[in-house]
C-alpha atoms as a PDB file:
ATOM      1  CA  UNK A   1     237.135-280.976-167.048  1.00  0.00           C
ATOM      2  CA  UNK A   2     234.741-283.569-165.676  1.00  0.00           C
ATOM      3  CA  UNK A   3     235.647-287.245-166.173  1.00  0.00           C
ATOM      4  CA  UNK A   4     233.074-289.852-167.344  1.00  0.00           C
ATOM      5  CA  UNK A   5     233.144-291.423-163.913  1.00  0.00           C
ATOM      6  CA  UNK A   6     232.166-288.201-162.341  1.00  0.00           C
ATOM      7  CA  UNK A   7     229.200-287.788-164.720  1.00  0.00           C
ATOM      8  CA  UNK A   8     227.943-291.232-163.862  1.00  0.00           C
ATOM      9  CA  UNK A   9     228.122-290.364-160.250  1.00  0.00           C
ATOM     10  CA  UNK A  10     225.937-287.101-160.811  1.00  0.00           C
ATOM     11  CA  UNK A  11     223.410-289.013-162.773  1.00  0.00           C
ATOM     12  CA  UNK A  12     223.149-291.728-160.034  1.00  0.00           C
ATOM     13  CA  UNK A  13     222.739-289.054-157.354  1.00  0.00           C
ATOM     14  CA  UNK A  14     219.925-287.290-159.338  1.00  0.00           C
ATOM     15  CA  UNK A  15     218.054-290.636-159.746  1.00  0.00           C
ATOM     16  CA  UNK A  16     218.332-291.296-155.997  1.00  0.00           C
ATOM     17  CA  UNK A  17     216.962-287.832-155.303  1.00  0.00           C
ATOM     18  CA  UNK A  18     214.030-288.391-157.682  1.00  0.00           C
ATOM     19  CA  UNK A  19     213.262-291.764-156.137  1.00  0.00           C
ATOM     20  CA  UNK A  20     213.309-290.221-152.650  1.00  0.00           C
ATOM     21  CA  UNK A  21     210.906-287.434-153.766  1.00  0.00           C
ATOM     22  CA  UNK A  22     208.570-289.963-155.366  1.00  0.00           C
ATOM     23  CA  UNK A  23     208.590-291.986-152.142  1.00  0.00           C
ATOM     24  CA  UNK A  24     207.888-288.891-150.063  1.00  0.00           C
ATOM     25  CA  UNK A  25     204.990-287.587-152.249  1.00  0.00           C
ATOM     26  CA  UNK A  26     201.514-288.554-150.918  1.00  0.00           C
ATOM     27  CA  UNK A  27     199.523-290.958-153.033  1.00  0.00           C
ATOM     28  CA  UNK A  28     196.265-289.623-154.432  1.00  0.00           C
ATOM     29  CA  UNK A  29     193.328-290.116-152.063  1.00  0.00           C
ATOM     30  CA  UNK A  30     190.743-292.679-153.034  1.00  0.00           C
ATOM     31  CA  UNK A  31     187.582-291.208-154.475  1.00  0.00           C
ATOM     32  CA  UNK A  32     184.687-290.728-152.152  1.00  0.00           C
ATOM     33  CA  UNK A  33     182.029-293.486-152.054  1.00  0.00           C
ATOM     34  CA  UNK A  34     178.964-292.678-154.210  1.00  0.00           C
ATOM     35  CA  UNK A  35     175.963-291.315-152.306  1.00  0.00           C
ATOM     36  CA  UNK A  36     172.786-293.308-152.539  1.00  0.00           C
ATOM     37  CA  UNK A  37     169.923-291.228-153.981  1.00  0.00           C
ATOM     38  CA  UNK A  38     166.560-291.742-155.542  1.00  0.00           C
ATOM     39  CA  UNK A  39     166.150-290.118-158.961  1.00  0.00           C
ATOM     40  CA  UNK A  40     162.942-289.249-160.962  1.00  0.00           C
ATOM     41  CA  UNK A  41     162.547-288.590-164.603  1.00  0.00           C
ATOM     42  CA  UNK A  42     161.621-285.131-165.900  1.00  0.00           C
ATOM     43  CA  UNK A  43     158.195-285.591-167.579  1.00  0.00           C
ATOM     44  CA  UNK A  44     155.973-283.251-169.593  1.00  0.00           C
ATOM     45  CA  UNK A  45     152.437-282.292-168.775  1.00  0.00           C
ATOM     46  CA  UNK A  46     149.818-279.715-168.964  1.00  0.00           C
ATOM     47  CA  UNK A  47     149.761-276.816-166.461  1.00  0.00           C
ATOM     48  CA  UNK A  48     147.250-274.005-166.042  1.00  0.00           C
ATOM     49  CA  UNK A  49     148.385-270.880-167.871  1.00  0.00           C
ATOM     50  CA  UNK A  50     147.967-267.803-165.657  1.00  0.00           C
ATOM     51  CA  UNK A  51     148.190-264.054-165.764  1.00  0.00           C
ATOM     52  CA  UNK A  52     149.881-262.220-162.899  1.00  0.00           C
ATOM     53  CA  UNK A  53     147.667-259.709-161.194  1.00  0.00           C
ATOM     54  CA  UNK A  54     148.878-257.239-158.565  1.00  0.00           C
ATOM     55  CA  UNK A  55     147.003-255.332-155.834  1.00  0.00           C
ATOM     56  CA  UNK A  56     146.595-255.057-152.080  1.00  0.00           C
ATOM     57  CA  UNK A  57     144.867-256.577-149.141  1.00  0.00           C
ATOM     58  CA  UNK A  58     142.172-254.265-147.858  1.00  0.00           C
ATOM     59  CA  UNK A  59     139.747-254.164-144.897  1.00  0.00           C
ATOM     60  CA  UNK A  60     136.160-255.158-145.509  1.00  0.00           C
ATOM     61  CA  UNK A  61     135.156-251.813-143.945  1.00  0.00           C
ATOM     62  CA  UNK A  62     137.204-248.774-142.939  1.00  0.00           C
ATOM     63  CA  UNK A  63     135.805-245.717-141.063  1.00  0.00           C
ATOM     64  CA  UNK A  64     137.204-242.532-139.633  1.00  0.00           C
ATOM     65  CA  UNK A  65     134.819-242.301-136.651  1.00  0.00           C
ATOM     66  CA  UNK A  66     134.089-238.622-136.093  1.00  0.00           C
ATOM     67  CA  UNK A  67     132.353-236.523-133.388  1.00  0.00           C
ATOM     68  CA  UNK A  68     128.904-235.119-134.204  1.00  0.00           C
ATOM     69  CA  UNK A  69     129.080-232.526-131.422  1.00  0.00           C
ATOM     70  CA  UNK A  70     131.566-230.266-129.783  1.00  0.00           C
ATOM     71  CA  UNK A  71     133.120-230.939-126.408  1.00  0.00           C
ATOM     72  CA  UNK A  72     136.209-231.729-124.294  1.00  0.00           C
ATOM     73  CA  UNK A  73     137.323-235.336-124.115  1.00  0.00           C
ATOM     74  CA  UNK A  74     136.601-236.785-120.785  1.00  0.00           C
ATOM     75  CA  UNK A  75     137.620-240.367-121.603  1.00  0.00           C
ATOM     76  CA  UNK A  76     139.337-242.117-124.491  1.00  0.00           C
ATOM     77  CA  UNK A  77     138.456-245.777-123.792  1.00  0.00           C
ATOM     78  CA  UNK A  78     140.482-247.541-126.680  1.00  0.00           C
ATOM     79  CA  UNK A  79     144.007-247.980-127.851  1.00  0.00           C
ATOM     80  CA  UNK A  80     145.596-248.801-131.142  1.00  0.00           C
ATOM     81  CA  UNK A  81     145.235-252.466-132.081  1.00  0.00           C
ATOM     82  CA  UNK A  82     142.375-252.966-129.706  1.00  0.00           C
ATOM     83  CA  UNK A  83     139.394-255.100-130.891  1.00  0.00           C
ATOM     84  CA  UNK A  84     135.952-253.550-130.315  1.00  0.00           C
ATOM     85  CA  UNK A  85     132.386-254.681-130.835  1.00  0.00           C
ATOM     86  CA  UNK A  86     129.610-252.734-132.567  1.00  0.00           C
ATOM     87  CA  UNK A  87     128.129-250.060-130.225  1.00  0.00           C
ATOM     88  CA  UNK A  88     131.147-250.149-127.752  1.00  0.00           C
ATOM     89  CA  UNK A  89     132.192-246.787-126.374  1.00  0.00           C
ATOM     90  CA  UNK A  90     135.213-245.329-127.961  1.00  0.00           C
ATOM     91  CA  UNK A  91     135.487-241.801-126.681  1.00  0.00           C
ATOM     92  CA  UNK A  92     133.274-239.799-124.236  1.00  0.00           C
ATOM     93  CA  UNK A  93     132.861-236.104-124.363  1.00  0.00           C
ATOM     94  CA  UNK A  94     131.845-233.392-121.808  1.00  0.00           C
ATOM     95  CA  UNK A  95     128.226-232.599-122.784  1.00  0.00           C
ATOM     96  CA  UNK A  96     127.131-230.637-119.644  1.00  0.00           C
ATOM     97  CA  UNK A  97     126.346-227.591-121.778  1.00  0.00           C
ATOM     98  CA  UNK A  98     124.354-229.718-124.179  1.00  0.00           C
ATOM     99  CA  UNK A  99     122.541-231.290-121.215  1.00  0.00           C
ATOM    100  CA  UNK A 100     121.549-227.873-119.921  1.00  0.00           C
ATOM    101  CA  UNK A 101     120.306-226.924-123.432  1.00  0.00           C
ATOM    102  CA  UNK A 102     118.445-230.155-123.539  1.00  0.00           C
ATOM    103  CA  UNK A 103     116.690-229.487-120.219  1.00  0.00           C
ATOM    104  CA  UNK A 104     115.740-225.980-121.458  1.00  0.00           C
ATOM    105  CA  UNK A 105     114.379-227.375-124.730  1.00  0.00           C
ATOM    106  CA  UNK A 106     112.411-229.966-122.826  1.00  0.00           C
ATOM    107  CA  UNK A 107     110.854-227.288-120.626  1.00  0.00           C
ATOM    108  CA  UNK A 108     109.944-225.165-123.797  1.00  0.00           C
ATOM    109  CA  UNK A 109     108.385-228.314-125.229  1.00  0.00           C
ATOM    110  CA  UNK A 110     106.197-228.802-122.196  1.00  0.00           C
ATOM    111  CA  UNK A 111     105.138-225.110-122.246  1.00  0.00           C
ATOM    112  CA  UNK A 112     104.210-225.362-125.954  1.00  0.00           C
ATOM    113  CA  UNK A 113     102.171-228.495-125.349  1.00  0.00           C
ATOM    114  CA  UNK A 114     100.244-226.683-122.597  1.00  0.00           C
ATOM    115  CA  UNK A 115      99.604-223.778-125.002  1.00  0.00           C
ATOM    116  CA  UNK A 116      98.472-226.176-127.644  1.00  0.00           C
ATOM    117  CA  UNK A 117      96.025-227.902-125.344  1.00  0.00           C
ATOM    118  CA  UNK A 118      94.585-224.446-124.367  1.00  0.00           C
ATOM    119  CA  UNK A 119      94.306-223.453-128.003  1.00  0.00           C
ATOM    120  CA  UNK A 120      92.500-226.613-128.842  1.00  0.00           C
ATOM    121  CA  UNK A 121      89.836-225.933-126.094  1.00  0.00           C
ATOM    122  CA  UNK A 122      89.447-222.383-127.562  1.00  0.00           C
ATOM    123  CA  UNK A 123      88.963-223.845-131.038  1.00  0.00           C
ATOM    124  CA  UNK A 124      86.323-226.197-129.621  1.00  0.00           C
ATOM    125  CA  UNK A 125      84.428-223.324-128.049  1.00  0.00           C
ATOM    126  CA  UNK A 126      84.746-221.310-131.160  1.00  0.00           C
ATOM    127  CA  UNK A 127      83.114-224.119-133.093  1.00  0.00           C
ATOM    128  CA  UNK A 128      80.128-224.184-130.676  1.00  0.00           C
ATOM    129  CA  UNK A 129      79.748-220.440-130.685  1.00  0.00           C
ATOM    130  CA  UNK A 130      79.775-220.252-134.464  1.00  0.00           C
ATOM    131  CA  UNK A 131      77.105-222.926-134.580  1.00  0.00           C
ATOM    132  CA  UNK A 132      75.051-220.814-132.186  1.00  0.00           C
ATOM    133  CA  UNK A 133      75.742-217.684-134.330  1.00  0.00           C
ATOM    134  CA  UNK A 134      77.266-215.983-131.241  1.00  0.00           C
ATOM    135  CA  UNK A 135      80.531-215.148-133.146  1.00  0.00           C
ATOM    136  CA  UNK A 136      81.229-214.313-136.707  1.00  0.00           C
ATOM    137  CA  UNK A 137      82.947-216.561-139.217  1.00  0.00           C
ATOM    138  CA  UNK A 138      85.973-214.250-139.282  1.00  0.00           C
ATOM    139  CA  UNK A 139      86.420-214.434-135.475  1.00  0.00           C
ATOM    140  CA  UNK A 140      86.123-218.287-135.720  1.00  0.00           C
ATOM    141  CA  UNK A 141      88.775-218.290-138.499  1.00  0.00           C
ATOM    142  CA  UNK A 142      91.193-216.185-136.321  1.00  0.00           C
ATOM    143  CA  UNK A 143      90.804-218.625-133.431  1.00  0.00           C
ATOM    144  CA  UNK A 144      91.368-221.616-135.813  1.00  0.00           C
ATOM    145  CA  UNK A 145      94.559-220.015-137.096  1.00  0.00           C
ATOM    146  CA  UNK A 146      95.721-219.590-133.554  1.00  0.00           C
ATOM    147  CA  UNK A 147      95.046-223.181-132.849  1.00  0.00           C
ATOM    148  CA  UNK A 148      97.043-224.231-135.912  1.00  0.00           C
ATOM    149  CA  UNK A 149      99.937-222.039-135.040  1.00  0.00           C
ATOM    150  CA  UNK A 150      99.919-223.610-131.560  1.00  0.00           C
ATOM    151  CA  UNK A 151     100.274-227.062-133.056  1.00  0.00           C
ATOM    152  CA  UNK A 152     103.158-225.856-135.276  1.00  0.00           C
ATOM    153  CA  UNK A 153     104.901-224.248-132.328  1.00  0.00           C
ATOM    154  CA  UNK A 154     104.711-227.537-130.342  1.00  0.00           C
ATOM    155  CA  UNK A 155     106.295-229.427-133.293  1.00  0.00           C
ATOM    156  CA  UNK A 156     109.071-226.935-133.531  1.00  0.00           C
ATOM    157  CA  UNK A 157     109.704-227.195-129.847  1.00  0.00           C
ATOM    158  CA  UNK A 158     109.769-230.939-130.103  1.00  0.00           C
ATOM    159  CA  UNK A 159     112.269-230.758-132.897  1.00  0.00           C
ATOM    160  CA  UNK A 160     114.560-228.440-130.794  1.00  0.00           C
ATOM    161  CA  UNK A 161     114.261-230.860-127.875  1.00  0.00           C
ATOM    162  CA  UNK A 162     115.172-233.836-130.038  1.00  0.00           C
ATOM    163  CA  UNK A 163     118.180-231.944-131.403  1.00  0.00           C
ATOM    164  CA  UNK A 164     119.332-231.026-127.904  1.00  0.00           C
ATOM    165  CA  UNK A 165     118.911-234.558-126.769  1.00  0.00           C
ATOM    166  CA  UNK A 166     120.929-235.864-129.750  1.00  0.00           C
ATOM    167  CA  UNK A 167     123.755-233.504-128.807  1.00  0.00           C
ATOM    168  CA  UNK A 168     123.878-235.121-125.401  1.00  0.00           C
ATOM    169  CA  UNK A 169     123.820-238.604-126.739  1.00  0.00           C
ATOM    170  CA  UNK A 170     126.437-237.620-129.321  1.00  0.00           C
ATOM    171  CA  UNK A 171     128.879-237.097-126.521  1.00  0.00           C
ATOM    172  CA  UNK A 172     129.175-240.954-126.450  1.00  0.00           C
ATOM    173  CA  UNK A 173     131.121-241.849-129.687  1.00  0.00           C
ATOM    174  CA  UNK A 174     130.617-245.561-130.272  1.00  0.00           C
ATOM    175  CA  UNK A 175     131.920-248.131-132.756  1.00  0.00           C
ATOM    176  CA  UNK A 176     129.681-248.255-135.903  1.00  0.00           C
ATOM    177  CA  UNK A 177     130.784-251.907-136.463  1.00  0.00           C
ATOM    178  CA  UNK A 178     132.953-254.518-134.917  1.00  0.00           C
ATOM    179  CA  UNK A 179     136.567-254.203-135.819  1.00  0.00           C
ATOM    180  CA  UNK A 180     140.147-253.217-134.921  1.00  0.00           C
ATOM    181  CA  UNK A 181     141.200-249.769-133.863  1.00  0.00           C
ATOM    182  CA  UNK A 182     143.893-248.590-136.246  1.00  0.00           C
ATOM    183  CA  UNK A 183     144.410-245.093-134.876  1.00  0.00           C
ATOM    184  CA  UNK A 184     143.228-242.970-131.907  1.00  0.00           C
ATOM    185  CA  UNK A 185     143.807-239.279-132.600  1.00  0.00           C
ATOM    186  CA  UNK A 186     142.445-237.705-129.301  1.00  0.00           C
ATOM    187  CA  UNK A 187     143.411-237.935-125.657  1.00  0.00           C
ATOM    188  CA  UNK A 188     141.758-236.814-122.416  1.00  0.00           C
ATOM    189  CA  UNK A 189     141.449-233.035-122.301  1.00  0.00           C
ATOM    190  CA  UNK A 190     141.458-232.381-126.066  1.00  0.00           C
ATOM    191  CA  UNK A 191     138.627-230.286-127.377  1.00  0.00           C
ATOM    192  CA  UNK A 192     136.733-231.923-130.220  1.00  0.00           C
ATOM    193  CA  UNK A 193     134.809-229.933-132.909  1.00  0.00           C
ATOM    194  CA  UNK A 194     131.981-231.588-134.986  1.00  0.00           C
ATOM    195  CA  UNK A 195     133.341-233.578-137.777  1.00  0.00           C
ATOM    196  CA  UNK A 196     136.731-234.196-136.320  1.00  0.00           C
ATOM    197  CA  UNK A 197     137.862-237.893-136.678  1.00  0.00           C
ATOM    198  CA  UNK A 198     138.708-239.391-133.227  1.00  0.00           C
ATOM    199  CA  UNK A 199     139.235-243.066-134.048  1.00  0.00           C
ATOM    200  CA  UNK A 200     140.127-244.999-137.325  1.00  0.00           C
ATOM    201  CA  UNK A 201     138.328-248.361-137.249  1.00  0.00           C
ATOM    202  CA  UNK A 202     138.644-251.261-139.749  1.00  0.00           C
ATOM    203  CA  UNK A 203     136.674-254.556-140.071  1.00  0.00           C
ATOM    204  CA  UNK A 204     138.985-257.515-140.706  1.00  0.00           C
ATOM    205  CA  UNK A 205     136.439-260.245-141.159  1.00  0.00           C
ATOM    206  CA  UNK A 206     136.365-260.831-144.000  1.00  0.00           C
ATOM    207  CA  UNK A 207     139.354-259.290-145.540  1.00  0.00           C
ATOM    208  CA  UNK A 208     139.397-258.490-149.321  1.00  0.00           C
ATOM    209  CA  UNK A 209     142.078-258.436-151.838  1.00  0.00           C
ATOM    210  CA  UNK A 210     141.779-255.719-154.445  1.00  0.00           C
ATOM    211  CA  UNK A 211     143.475-256.518-157.789  1.00  0.00           C
ATOM    212  CA  UNK A 212     143.992-254.909-161.256  1.00  0.00           C
ATOM    213  CA  UNK A 213     143.269-257.174-164.252  1.00  0.00           C
ATOM    214  CA  UNK A 214     144.902-256.304-167.640  1.00  0.00           C
ATOM    215  CA  UNK A 215     142.514-255.711-170.440  1.00  0.00           C
ATOM    216  CA  UNK A 216     143.572-258.886-172.312  1.00  0.00           C
ATOM    217  CA  UNK A 217     142.454-261.093-169.390  1.00  0.00           C
ATOM    218  CA  UNK A 218     139.130-259.318-168.551  1.00  0.00           C
ATOM    219  CA  UNK A 219     137.119-261.907-170.380  1.00  0.00           C
ATOM    220  CA  UNK A 220     138.429-264.540-167.828  1.00  0.00           C
ATOM    221  CA  UNK A 221     137.090-262.688-164.852  1.00  0.00           C
ATOM    222  CA  UNK A 222     133.814-263.881-163.422  1.00  0.00           C
ATOM    223  CA  UNK A 223     131.967-263.465-160.098  1.00  0.00           C
ATOM    224  CA  UNK A 224     132.381-266.307-157.684  1.00  0.00           C
ATOM    225  CA  UNK A 225     135.536-267.476-159.429  1.00  0.00           C
ATOM    226  CA  UNK A 226     138.304-268.712-157.040  1.00  0.00           C
ATOM    227  CA  UNK A 227     141.875-267.218-157.280  1.00  0.00           C
ATOM    228  CA  UNK A 228     144.944-267.872-155.322  1.00  0.00           C
ATOM    229  CA  UNK A 229     147.207-264.972-154.030  1.00  0.00           C
ATOM    230  CA  UNK A 230     150.292-264.487-152.032  1.00  0.00           C
ATOM    231  CA  UNK A 231     151.706-261.554-149.990  1.00  0.00           C
ATOM    232  CA  UNK A 232     155.330-260.276-149.815  1.00  0.00           C
ATOM    233  CA  UNK A 233     155.840-260.886-146.020  1.00  0.00           C
ATOM    234  CA  UNK A 234     154.778-264.557-146.362  1.00  0.00           C
ATOM    235  CA  UNK A 235     156.673-265.860-149.393  1.00  0.00           C
ATOM    236  CA  UNK A 236     155.832-269.261-150.643  1.00  0.00           C
ATOM    237  CA  UNK A 237     152.352-269.327-148.978  1.00  0.00           C
ATOM    238  CA  UNK A 238     149.213-269.012-151.005  1.00  0.00           C
ATOM    239  CA  UNK A 239     145.800-267.937-149.881  1.00  0.00           C
ATOM    240  CA  UNK A 240     142.387-268.457-151.462  1.00  0.00           C
ATOM    241  CA  UNK A 241     139.891-265.819-152.368  1.00  0.00           C
ATOM    242  CA  UNK A 242     136.617-265.730-154.256  1.00  0.00           C
ATOM    243  CA  UNK A 243     135.812-262.908-156.586  1.00  0.00           C
ATOM    244  CA  UNK A 244     132.727-260.964-155.408  1.00  0.00           C
ATOM    245  CA  UNK A 245     132.950-257.460-156.951  1.00  0.00           C
ATOM    246  CA  UNK A 246     133.845-256.672-160.575  1.00  0.00           C
ATOM    247  CA  UNK A 247     134.412-253.126-161.714  1.00  0.00           C
ATOM    248  CA  UNK A 248     131.926-251.874-164.281  1.00  0.00           C
ATOM    249  CA  UNK A 249     134.569-250.041-166.453  1.00  0.00           C
ATOM    250  CA  UNK A 250     138.296-250.127-167.202  1.00  0.00           C
ATOM    251  CA  UNK A 251     140.575-247.456-166.060  1.00  0.00           C
ATOM    252  CA  UNK A 252     141.165-245.194-169.101  1.00  0.00           C
ATOM    253  CA  UNK A 253     144.765-244.652-168.205  1.00  0.00           C
ATOM    254  CA  UNK A 254     146.076-248.124-167.229  1.00  0.00           C
ATOM    255  CA  UNK A 255     143.391-250.092-169.259  1.00  0.00           C
ATOM    256  CA  UNK A 256     143.003-252.276-166.293  1.00  0.00           C
ATOM    257  CA  UNK A 257     139.794-253.550-164.552  1.00  0.00           C
ATOM    258  CA  UNK A 258     139.524-253.479-160.757  1.00  0.00           C
ATOM    259  CA  UNK A 259     138.110-256.560-159.019  1.00  0.00           C
ATOM    260  CA  UNK A 260     137.613-257.385-155.338  1.00  0.00           C
ATOM    261  CA  UNK A 261     137.740-260.903-153.820  1.00  0.00           C
ATOM    262  CA  UNK A 262     136.798-262.093-150.367  1.00  0.00           C
ATOM    263  CA  UNK A 263     139.659-263.842-148.633  1.00  0.00           C
ATOM    264  CA  UNK A 264     138.837-267.260-147.462  1.00  0.00           C
ATOM    265  CA  UNK A 265     141.336-267.321-144.566  1.00  0.00           C
ATOM    266  CA  UNK A 266     141.409-266.094-141.008  1.00  0.00           C
ATOM    267  CA  UNK A 267     145.201-266.082-140.774  1.00  0.00           C
ATOM    268  CA  UNK A 268     146.050-263.234-138.358  1.00  0.00           C
ATOM    269  CA  UNK A 269     149.294-262.588-140.253  1.00  0.00           C
ATOM    270  CA  UNK A 270     147.336-261.161-143.089  1.00  0.00           C
ATOM    271  CA  UNK A 271     147.085-257.405-142.619  1.00  0.00           C
ATOM    272  CA  UNK A 272     145.251-254.754-144.614  1.00  0.00           C
ATOM    273  CA  UNK A 273     147.666-252.754-146.770  1.00  0.00           C
ATOM    274  CA  UNK A 274     149.875-255.826-147.689  1.00  0.00           C
ATOM    275  CA  UNK A 275     150.980-256.001-151.346  1.00  0.00           C
ATOM    276  CA  UNK A 276     149.413-258.940-152.993  1.00  0.00           C
ATOM    277  CA  UNK A 277     150.011-260.805-156.170  1.00  0.00           C
ATOM    278  CA  UNK A 278     147.561-263.367-157.728  1.00  0.00           C
ATOM    279  CA  UNK A 279     147.473-265.604-160.696  1.00  0.00           C
ATOM    280  CA  UNK A 280     144.388-265.679-162.815  1.00  0.00           C
ATOM    281  CA  UNK A 281     143.922-268.904-164.919  1.00  0.00           C
ATOM    282  CA  UNK A 282     143.530-268.029-168.580  1.00  0.00           C
ATOM    283  CA  UNK A 283     144.251-271.371-170.255  1.00  0.00           C
ATOM    284  CA  UNK A 284     146.719-274.327-170.252  1.00  0.00           C
ATOM    285  CA  UNK A 285     150.424-274.680-171.294  1.00  0.00           C
ATOM    286  CA  UNK A 286     152.590-277.813-171.678  1.00  0.00           C
ATOM    287  CA  UNK A 287     155.850-277.703-169.754  1.00  0.00           C
ATOM    288  CA  UNK A 288     158.577-279.937-168.126  1.00  0.00           C
ATOM    289  CA  UNK A 289     157.411-281.293-164.740  1.00  0.00           C
ATOM    290  CA  UNK A 290     159.191-282.471-161.655  1.00  0.00           C
ATOM    291  CA  UNK A 291     158.044-283.213-158.059  1.00  0.00           C
ATOM    292  CA  UNK A 292     158.007-280.205-155.817  1.00  0.00           C
ATOM    293  CA  UNK A 293     160.281-282.080-153.440  1.00  0.00           C
ATOM    294  CA  UNK A 294     163.130-282.138-156.030  1.00  0.00           C
ATOM    295  CA  UNK A 295     163.457-278.313-155.758  1.00  0.00           C
ATOM    296  CA  UNK A 296     165.972-276.900-153.249  1.00  0.00           C
ATOM    297  CA  UNK A 297     167.364-273.451-152.639  1.00  0.00           C
ATOM    298  CA  UNK A 298     165.681-270.135-151.915  1.00  0.00           C
ATOM    299  CA  UNK A 299     162.404-269.168-153.594  1.00  0.00           C
ATOM    300  CA  UNK A 300     164.047-266.471-155.634  1.00  0.00           C
ATOM    301  CA  UNK A 301     166.804-268.922-156.822  1.00  0.00           C
ATOM    302  CA  UNK A 302     165.436-272.418-156.973  1.00  0.00           C
ATOM    303  CA  UNK A 303     167.804-275.258-157.992  1.00  0.00           C
ATOM    304  CA  UNK A 304     167.724-278.946-158.754  1.00  0.00           C
ATOM    305  CA  UNK A 305     170.374-281.693-158.807  1.00  0.00           C
ATOM    306  CA  UNK A 306     170.587-283.086-162.346  1.00  0.00           C
ATOM    307  CA  UNK A 307     172.065-286.668-162.611  1.00  0.00           C
ATOM    308  CA  UNK A 308     174.272-287.436-165.571  1.00  0.00           C
ATOM    309  CA  UNK A 309     176.448-290.548-165.729  1.00  0.00           C
ATOM    310  CA  UNK A 310     176.357-291.055-161.965  1.00  0.00           C
ATOM    311  CA  UNK A 311     177.316-287.497-161.182  1.00  0.00           C
ATOM    312  CA  UNK A 312     175.147-284.714-159.896  1.00  0.00           C
ATOM    313  CA  UNK A 313     175.192-281.261-161.394  1.00  0.00           C
ATOM    314  CA  UNK A 314     173.563-278.423-159.474  1.00  0.00           C
ATOM    315  CA  UNK A 315     171.317-276.430-161.881  1.00  0.00           C
ATOM    316  CA  UNK A 316     169.365-273.177-161.491  1.00  0.00           C
ATOM    317  CA  UNK A 317     165.882-273.460-162.866  1.00  0.00           C
ATOM    318  CA  UNK A 318     162.927-271.208-163.511  1.00  0.00           C
ATOM    319  CA  UNK A 319     159.703-272.419-162.081  1.00  0.00           C
ATOM    320  CA  UNK A 320     156.167-271.944-163.265  1.00  0.00           C
ATOM    321  CA  UNK A 321     152.763-273.118-162.126  1.00  0.00           C
ATOM    322  CA  UNK A 322     152.104-275.987-159.782  1.00  0.00           C
ATOM    323  CA  UNK A 323     149.679-278.850-160.135  1.00  0.00           C
ATOM    324  CA  UNK A 324     149.014-281.224-157.255  1.00  0.00           C
ATOM    325  CA  UNK A 325     152.590-282.228-156.028  1.00  0.00           C
ATOM    326  CA  UNK A 326     154.377-281.387-159.295  1.00  0.00           C
ATOM    327  CA  UNK A 327     155.767-278.050-160.451  1.00  0.00           C
ATOM    328  CA  UNK A 328     156.371-276.801-163.994  1.00  0.00           C
ATOM    329  CA  UNK A 329     159.947-275.961-165.090  1.00  0.00           C
ATOM    330  CA  UNK A 330     159.943-273.133-167.606  1.00  0.00           C
ATOM    331  CA  UNK A 331     163.779-273.042-168.060  1.00  0.00           C
ATOM    332  CA  UNK A 332     166.652-275.283-167.057  1.00  0.00           C
ATOM    333  CA  UNK A 333     165.418-278.868-167.666  1.00  0.00           C
ATOM    334  CA  UNK A 334     164.252-281.014-170.553  1.00  0.00           C
ATOM    335  CA  UNK A 335     161.845-283.943-170.574  1.00  0.00           C
ATOM    336  CA  UNK A 336     163.756-287.209-170.207  1.00  0.00           C
ATOM    337  CA  UNK A 337     166.453-285.905-167.917  1.00  0.00           C
ATOM    338  CA  UNK A 338     166.690-287.299-164.318  1.00  0.00           C
ATOM    339  CA  UNK A 339     166.929-285.290-161.122  1.00  0.00           C
ATOM    340  CA  UNK A 340     167.312-286.230-157.482  1.00  0.00           C
ATOM    341  CA  UNK A 341     163.907-286.623-156.030  1.00  0.00           C
ATOM    342  CA  UNK A 342     164.688-285.506-152.471  1.00  0.00           C
ATOM    343  CA  UNK A 343     168.125-283.772-152.315  1.00  0.00           C
ATOM    344  CA  UNK A 344     169.914-283.596-148.969  1.00  0.00           C
ATOM    345  CA  UNK A 345     172.746-281.543-147.557  1.00  0.00           C
ATOM    346  CA  UNK A 346     175.237-284.216-148.502  1.00  0.00           C
ATOM    347  CA  UNK A 347     174.863-283.372-152.154  1.00  0.00           C
ATOM    348  CA  UNK A 348     177.037-280.861-153.963  1.00  0.00           C
ATOM    349  CA  UNK A 349     177.960-280.184-157.588  1.00  0.00           C
ATOM    350  CA  UNK A 350     180.156-283.022-158.794  1.00  0.00           C
ATOM    351  CA  UNK A 351     179.050-285.568-156.108  1.00  0.00           C
ATOM    352  CA  UNK A 352     179.040-289.173-157.341  1.00  0.00           C
ATOM    353  CA  UNK A 353     175.778-290.999-156.730  1.00  0.00           C
ATOM    354  CA  UNK A 354     174.409-294.436-157.170  1.00  0.00           C
END
């Protein structure tokens, strides 16, 4: 059985232990100094209302350059990605057989011309003899027919010579326009038949952007109207284009209208085949607005730092159109709230600011 004095000792000991623990426990750290920031009020303003269009960047011209004659490839002068000028040699074929045929046709043409000249002289004599009543009308007509046939034979020989000469010149396959070689499908030693493509050539200047316009926005499409578009490999960057070609009918399946716009940029990073999206203005809409500099984070997850009672709160927002240096906020902010104008890496959710 414990005595009262013993109980007093136990209580005193417990109190001493509690005091020791209190002295050993670290005191709470003082709060961090507030970070100096500049804030801006969320306002409301009119922004252009747009419709999203999708399509592709396409070359101004594209050609599968084909051979017009048969022959073995003696020389392939170009490589993929090479820039060529109009009339520059792409591929040279062996046309020795065609050259022999051209020589034969040329000789046949010379013989036909000689025969035609002789026939003309005979016709002239026939005219004189008929006038002198030395030959009959039927004999004269026979001679005239022979003369006409000789003229026709000369024309046929000339056509054969021209065809043979063309076969020789067709051995030089040249660029039909200035552009970039996309593909070369033959090599030295290959046999090429007429009609076989040997090089795919595209003209990059100017590029076009081909877009599909929904039926509801067709009335907003007009020739020479400027539109802005972006491409997937270059997020956040916009390019300008001017509408030049408007389709005459809507696609009966998609109910879309196809348009083409000439790209007003010589940026070498723009390549034919890139997926493109554009925004076509169709009106105006009123929305919350903040400076573009207030937005941070990646383009697919934009964020702002909202300031409430001296504390920042990181908030994900949904952005809309841009006008000058301000951007519309479709979701996440309300007019009258304040956000950090130019957030830095020192800010985080819960940081005190002044």
